[in-house]
Amino acid sequence: MIFNAAPDDMTPFMTTTARVHDAARGRLGAVTHRDGTARLQTVEAARAPSCTQC
């Protein structure tokens, strides 16, 4: 898990912030704010399949 957020917190418009889990901060250093949060932007698999495949 990367973010401490509920499904209702997910948004495609980056209007929500969520706390980044400590274990993920090293991987997300460029997008983690000084207070340990980051802006969420979600992507639906049906709209952008190439962005959702790992």
PDB file of N, CA and C in Angstrom:
ATOM      1  N   MET A   1       0.843  -1.168   0.000  1.00  0.00           N
ATOM      2  CA  MET A   1       0.000   0.000   0.000  1.00  0.00           C
ATOM      3  C   MET A   1       0.892   1.237   0.000  1.00  0.00           C
ATOM      4  N   ILE A   2       0.510   2.209  -0.787  1.00  0.00           N
ATOM      5  CA  ILE A   2       1.320   3.417  -0.920  1.00  0.00           C
ATOM      6  C   ILE A   2       0.709   4.588  -0.155  1.00  0.00           C
ATOM      7  N   PHE A   3      -0.607   4.765  -0.272  1.00  0.00           N
ATOM      8  CA  PHE A   3      -1.282   5.895   0.358  1.00  0.00           C
ATOM      9  C   PHE A   3      -2.200   5.440   1.474  1.00  0.00           C
ATOM     10  N   ASN A   4      -2.367   6.281   2.434  1.00  0.00           N
ATOM     11  CA  ASN A   4      -3.316   6.047   3.508  1.00  0.00           C
ATOM     12  C   ASN A   4      -4.589   6.805   3.125  1.00  0.00           C
ATOM     13  N   ALA A   5      -5.397   6.214   2.235  1.00  0.00           N
ATOM     14  CA  ALA A   5      -6.603   6.874   1.736  1.00  0.00           C
ATOM     15  C   ALA A   5      -7.684   5.839   1.475  1.00  0.00           C
ATOM     16  N   ALA A   6      -8.912   6.276   1.574  1.00  0.00           N
ATOM     17  CA  ALA A   6     -10.058   5.415   1.311  1.00  0.00           C
ATOM     18  C   ALA A   6     -10.464   5.536  -0.158  1.00  0.00           C
ATOM     19  N   PRO A   7     -11.206   4.558  -0.679  1.00  0.00           N
ATOM     20  CA  PRO A   7     -11.650   4.652  -2.079  1.00  0.00           C
ATOM     21  C   PRO A   7     -12.395   5.951  -2.393  1.00  0.00           C
ATOM     22  N   ASP A   8     -13.119   6.490  -1.438  1.00  0.00           N
ATOM     23  CA  ASP A   8     -13.840   7.748  -1.674  1.00  0.00           C
ATOM     24  C   ASP A   8     -12.896   8.934  -1.826  1.00  0.00           C
ATOM     25  N   ASP A   9     -11.636   8.768  -1.449  1.00  0.00           N
ATOM     26  CA  ASP A   9     -10.652   9.844  -1.576  1.00  0.00           C
ATOM     27  C   ASP A   9     -10.024   9.908  -2.963  1.00  0.00           C
ATOM     28  N   MET A  10     -10.267   8.911  -3.790  1.00  0.00           N
ATOM     29  CA  MET A  10      -9.645   8.847  -5.102  1.00  0.00           C
ATOM     30  C   MET A  10     -10.320   9.824  -6.061  1.00  0.00           C
ATOM     31  N   THR A  11      -9.512  10.502  -6.879  1.00  0.00           N
ATOM     32  CA  THR A  11     -10.040  11.493  -7.807  1.00  0.00           C
ATOM     33  C   THR A  11      -9.139  11.612  -9.027  1.00  0.00           C
ATOM     34  N   PRO A  12      -9.709  11.824 -10.215  1.00  0.00           N
ATOM     35  CA  PRO A  12      -8.874  12.031 -11.400  1.00  0.00           C
ATOM     36  C   PRO A  12      -8.367  13.461 -11.529  1.00  0.00           C
ATOM     37  N   PHE A  13      -8.690  14.332 -10.589  1.00  0.00           N
ATOM     38  CA  PHE A  13      -8.388  15.753 -10.742  1.00  0.00           C
ATOM     39  C   PHE A  13      -7.361  16.311  -9.756  1.00  0.00           C
ATOM     40  N   MET A  14      -6.715  15.480  -8.984  1.00  0.00           N
ATOM     41  CA  MET A  14      -5.670  15.890  -8.042  1.00  0.00           C
ATOM     42  C   MET A  14      -6.136  16.955  -7.051  1.00  0.00           C
ATOM     43  N   THR A  15      -7.368  16.842  -6.573  1.00  0.00           N
ATOM     44  CA  THR A  15      -7.895  17.794  -5.610  1.00  0.00           C
ATOM     45  C   THR A  15      -7.818  17.267  -4.185  1.00  0.00           C
ATOM     46  N   THR A  16      -7.301  16.053  -4.010  1.00  0.00           N
ATOM     47  CA  THR A  16      -7.250  15.407  -2.707  1.00  0.00           C
ATOM     48  C   THR A  16      -5.810  15.101  -2.338  1.00  0.00           C
ATOM     49  N   THR A  17      -5.483  15.269  -1.071  1.00  0.00           N
ATOM     50  CA  THR A  17      -4.175  14.836  -0.593  1.00  0.00           C
ATOM     51  C   THR A  17      -4.364  13.660   0.353  1.00  0.00           C
ATOM     52  N   ALA A  18      -3.356  12.828   0.427  1.00  0.00           N
ATOM     53  CA  ALA A  18      -3.371  11.685   1.339  1.00  0.00           C
ATOM     54  C   ALA A  18      -1.967  11.486   1.878  1.00  0.00           C
ATOM     55  N   ARG A  19      -1.885  10.939   3.067  1.00  0.00           N
ATOM     56  CA  ARG A  19      -0.591  10.665   3.679  1.00  0.00           C
ATOM     57  C   ARG A  19       0.073   9.506   2.944  1.00  0.00           C
ATOM     58  N   VAL A  20       1.347   9.656   2.635  1.00  0.00           N
ATOM     59  CA  VAL A  20       2.140   8.608   1.998  1.00  0.00           C
ATOM     60  C   VAL A  20       2.680   7.705   3.105  1.00  0.00           C
ATOM     61  N   HIS A  21       2.504   6.391   2.962  1.00  0.00           N
ATOM     62  CA  HIS A  21       3.038   5.460   3.961  1.00  0.00           C
ATOM     63  C   HIS A  21       4.558   5.591   4.020  1.00  0.00           C
ATOM     64  N   ASP A  22       5.094   5.492   5.207  1.00  0.00           N
ATOM     65  CA  ASP A  22       6.541   5.640   5.411  1.00  0.00           C
ATOM     66  C   ASP A  22       7.352   4.751   4.486  1.00  0.00           C
ATOM     67  N   ALA A  23       6.912   3.512   4.288  1.00  0.00           N
ATOM     68  CA  ALA A  23       7.658   2.561   3.458  1.00  0.00           C
ATOM     69  C   ALA A  23       7.705   2.978   1.990  1.00  0.00           C
ATOM     70  N   ALA A  24       6.783   3.808   1.539  1.00  0.00           N
ATOM     71  CA  ALA A  24       6.732   4.215   0.129  1.00  0.00           C
ATOM     72  C   ALA A  24       7.390   5.565  -0.129  1.00  0.00           C
ATOM     73  N   ARG A  25       7.758   6.276   0.899  1.00  0.00           N
ATOM     74  CA  ARG A  25       8.302   7.627   0.709  1.00  0.00           C
ATOM     75  C   ARG A  25       9.588   7.650  -0.106  1.00  0.00           C
ATOM     76  N   GLY A  26      10.414   6.635   0.018  1.00  0.00           N
ATOM     77  CA  GLY A  26      11.645   6.576  -0.763  1.00  0.00           C
ATOM     78  C   GLY A  26      11.374   6.491  -2.253  1.00  0.00           C
ATOM     79  N   ARG A  27      10.316   5.787  -2.626  1.00  0.00           N
ATOM     80  CA  ARG A  27       9.955   5.648  -4.048  1.00  0.00           C
ATOM     81  C   ARG A  27       9.217   6.867  -4.568  1.00  0.00           C
ATOM     82  N   LEU A  28       8.621   7.647  -3.681  1.00  0.00           N
ATOM     83  CA  LEU A  28       7.796   8.784  -4.100  1.00  0.00           C
ATOM     84  C   LEU A  28       8.361  10.118  -3.623  1.00  0.00           C
ATOM     85  N   GLY A  29       9.652  10.181  -3.460  1.00  0.00           N
ATOM     86  CA  GLY A  29      10.275  11.390  -2.930  1.00  0.00           C
ATOM     87  C   GLY A  29       9.971  12.649  -3.718  1.00  0.00           C
ATOM     88  N   ALA A  30       9.907  12.553  -5.030  1.00  0.00           N
ATOM     89  CA  ALA A  30       9.683  13.740  -5.855  1.00  0.00           C
ATOM     90  C   ALA A  30       8.260  14.269  -5.770  1.00  0.00           C
ATOM     91  N   VAL A  31       7.325  13.454  -5.343  1.00  0.00           N
ATOM     92  CA  VAL A  31       5.926  13.894  -5.291  1.00  0.00           C
ATOM     93  C   VAL A  31       5.382  13.984  -3.872  1.00  0.00           C
ATOM     94  N   THR A  32       6.207  13.665  -2.881  1.00  0.00           N
ATOM     95  CA  THR A  32       5.763  13.729  -1.490  1.00  0.00           C
ATOM     96  C   THR A  32       6.038  15.112  -0.934  1.00  0.00           C
ATOM     97  N   HIS A  33       5.010  15.746  -0.399  1.00  0.00           N
ATOM     98  CA  HIS A  33       5.145  17.078   0.187  1.00  0.00           C
ATOM     99  C   HIS A  33       5.937  17.005   1.493  1.00  0.00           C
ATOM    100  N   ARG A  34       6.377  18.126   1.979  1.00  0.00           N
ATOM    101  CA  ARG A  34       7.165  18.178   3.218  1.00  0.00           C
ATOM    102  C   ARG A  34       6.412  17.623   4.413  1.00  0.00           C
ATOM    103  N   ASP A  35       5.085  17.694   4.392  1.00  0.00           N
ATOM    104  CA  ASP A  35       4.292  17.188   5.514  1.00  0.00           C
ATOM    105  C   ASP A  35       3.957  15.698   5.375  1.00  0.00           C
ATOM    106  N   GLY A  36       4.525  15.024   4.358  1.00  0.00           N
ATOM    107  CA  GLY A  36       4.318  13.586   4.184  1.00  0.00           C
ATOM    108  C   GLY A  36       3.081  13.223   3.398  1.00  0.00           C
ATOM    109  N   THR A  37       2.441  14.204   2.755  1.00  0.00           N
ATOM    110  CA  THR A  37       1.276  13.925   1.929  1.00  0.00           C
ATOM    111  C   THR A  37       1.639  14.049   0.459  1.00  0.00           C
ATOM    112  N   ALA A  38       0.739  13.592  -0.395  1.00  0.00           N
ATOM    113  CA  ALA A  38       0.894  13.737  -1.839  1.00  0.00           C
ATOM    114  C   ALA A  38      -0.486  13.931  -2.438  1.00  0.00           C
ATOM    115  N   ARG A  39      -0.549  14.559  -3.583  1.00  0.00           N
ATOM    116  CA  ARG A  39      -1.832  14.727  -4.268  1.00  0.00           C
ATOM    117  C   ARG A  39      -2.142  13.460  -5.050  1.00  0.00           C
ATOM    118  N   LEU A  40      -3.371  12.986  -4.886  1.00  0.00           N
ATOM    119  CA  LEU A  40      -3.792  11.764  -5.570  1.00  0.00           C
ATOM    120  C   LEU A  40      -4.394  12.096  -6.925  1.00  0.00           C
ATOM    121  N   GLN A  41      -4.067  11.290  -7.914  1.00  0.00           N
ATOM    122  CA  GLN A  41      -4.723  11.358  -9.213  1.00  0.00           C
ATOM    123  C   GLN A  41      -4.916   9.919  -9.651  1.00  0.00           C
ATOM    124  N   THR A  42      -6.140   9.521  -9.841  1.00  0.00           N
ATOM    125  CA  THR A  42      -6.428   8.137 -10.209  1.00  0.00           C
ATOM    126  C   THR A  42      -6.653   8.013 -11.704  1.00  0.00           C
ATOM    127  N   VAL A  43      -6.436   6.809 -12.204  1.00  0.00           N
ATOM    128  CA  VAL A  43      -6.614   6.502 -13.617  1.00  0.00           C
ATOM    129  C   VAL A  43      -7.485   5.252 -13.710  1.00  0.00           C
ATOM    130  N   GLU A  44      -8.551   5.338 -14.490  1.00  0.00           N
ATOM    131  CA  GLU A  44      -9.406   4.179 -14.701  1.00  0.00           C
ATOM    132  C   GLU A  44      -8.801   3.306 -15.790  1.00  0.00           C
ATOM    133  N   ALA A  45      -8.769   2.005 -15.558  1.00  0.00           N
ATOM    134  CA  ALA A  45      -8.179   1.067 -16.505  1.00  0.00           C
ATOM    135  C   ALA A  45      -8.853   1.144 -17.871  1.00  0.00           C
ATOM    136  N   ALA A  46     -10.149   1.344 -17.896  1.00  0.00           N
ATOM    137  CA  ALA A  46     -10.873   1.405 -19.170  1.00  0.00           C
ATOM    138  C   ALA A  46     -10.484   2.626 -20.002  1.00  0.00           C
ATOM    139  N   ARG A  47     -10.095   3.700 -19.342  1.00  0.00           N
ATOM    140  CA  ARG A  47      -9.730   4.928 -20.066  1.00  0.00           C
ATOM    141  C   ARG A  47      -8.269   4.982 -20.478  1.00  0.00           C
ATOM    142  N   ALA A  48      -7.402   4.353 -19.709  1.00  0.00           N
ATOM    143  CA  ALA A  48      -5.965   4.410 -19.983  1.00  0.00           C
ATOM    144  C   ALA A  48      -5.311   3.081 -19.622  1.00  0.00           C
ATOM    145  N   PRO A  49      -5.584   2.023 -20.404  1.00  0.00           N
ATOM    146  CA  PRO A  49      -5.063   0.703 -20.053  1.00  0.00           C
ATOM    147  C   PRO A  49      -3.532   0.651 -19.971  1.00  0.00           C
ATOM    148  N   SER A  50      -2.839   1.438 -20.752  1.00  0.00           N
ATOM    149  CA  SER A  50      -1.373   1.393 -20.712  1.00  0.00           C
ATOM    150  C   SER A  50      -0.827   1.997 -19.437  1.00  0.00           C
ATOM    151  N   CYS A  51      -1.590   2.839 -18.753  1.00  0.00           N
ATOM    152  CA  CYS A  51      -1.150   3.450 -17.498  1.00  0.00           C
ATOM    153  C   CYS A  51      -1.444   2.579 -16.283  1.00  0.00           C
ATOM    154  N   THR A  52      -2.267   1.589 -16.434  1.00  0.00           N
ATOM    155  CA  THR A  52      -2.684   0.791 -15.275  1.00  0.00           C
ATOM    156  C   THR A  52      -2.063  -0.595 -15.253  1.00  0.00           C
ATOM    157  N   GLN A  53      -1.271  -0.932 -16.243  1.00  0.00           N
ATOM    158  CA  GLN A  53      -0.610  -2.245 -16.259  1.00  0.00           C
ATOM    159  C   GLN A  53       0.792  -2.124 -15.709  1.00  0.00           C
ATOM    160  N   CYS A  54       1.103  -2.969 -14.759  1.00  0.00           N
ATOM    161  CA  CYS A  54       2.448  -2.940 -14.169  1.00  0.00           C
ATOM    162  C   CYS A  54       3.291  -4.044 -14.749  1.00  0.00           C
TER     163      CYS A  54
END
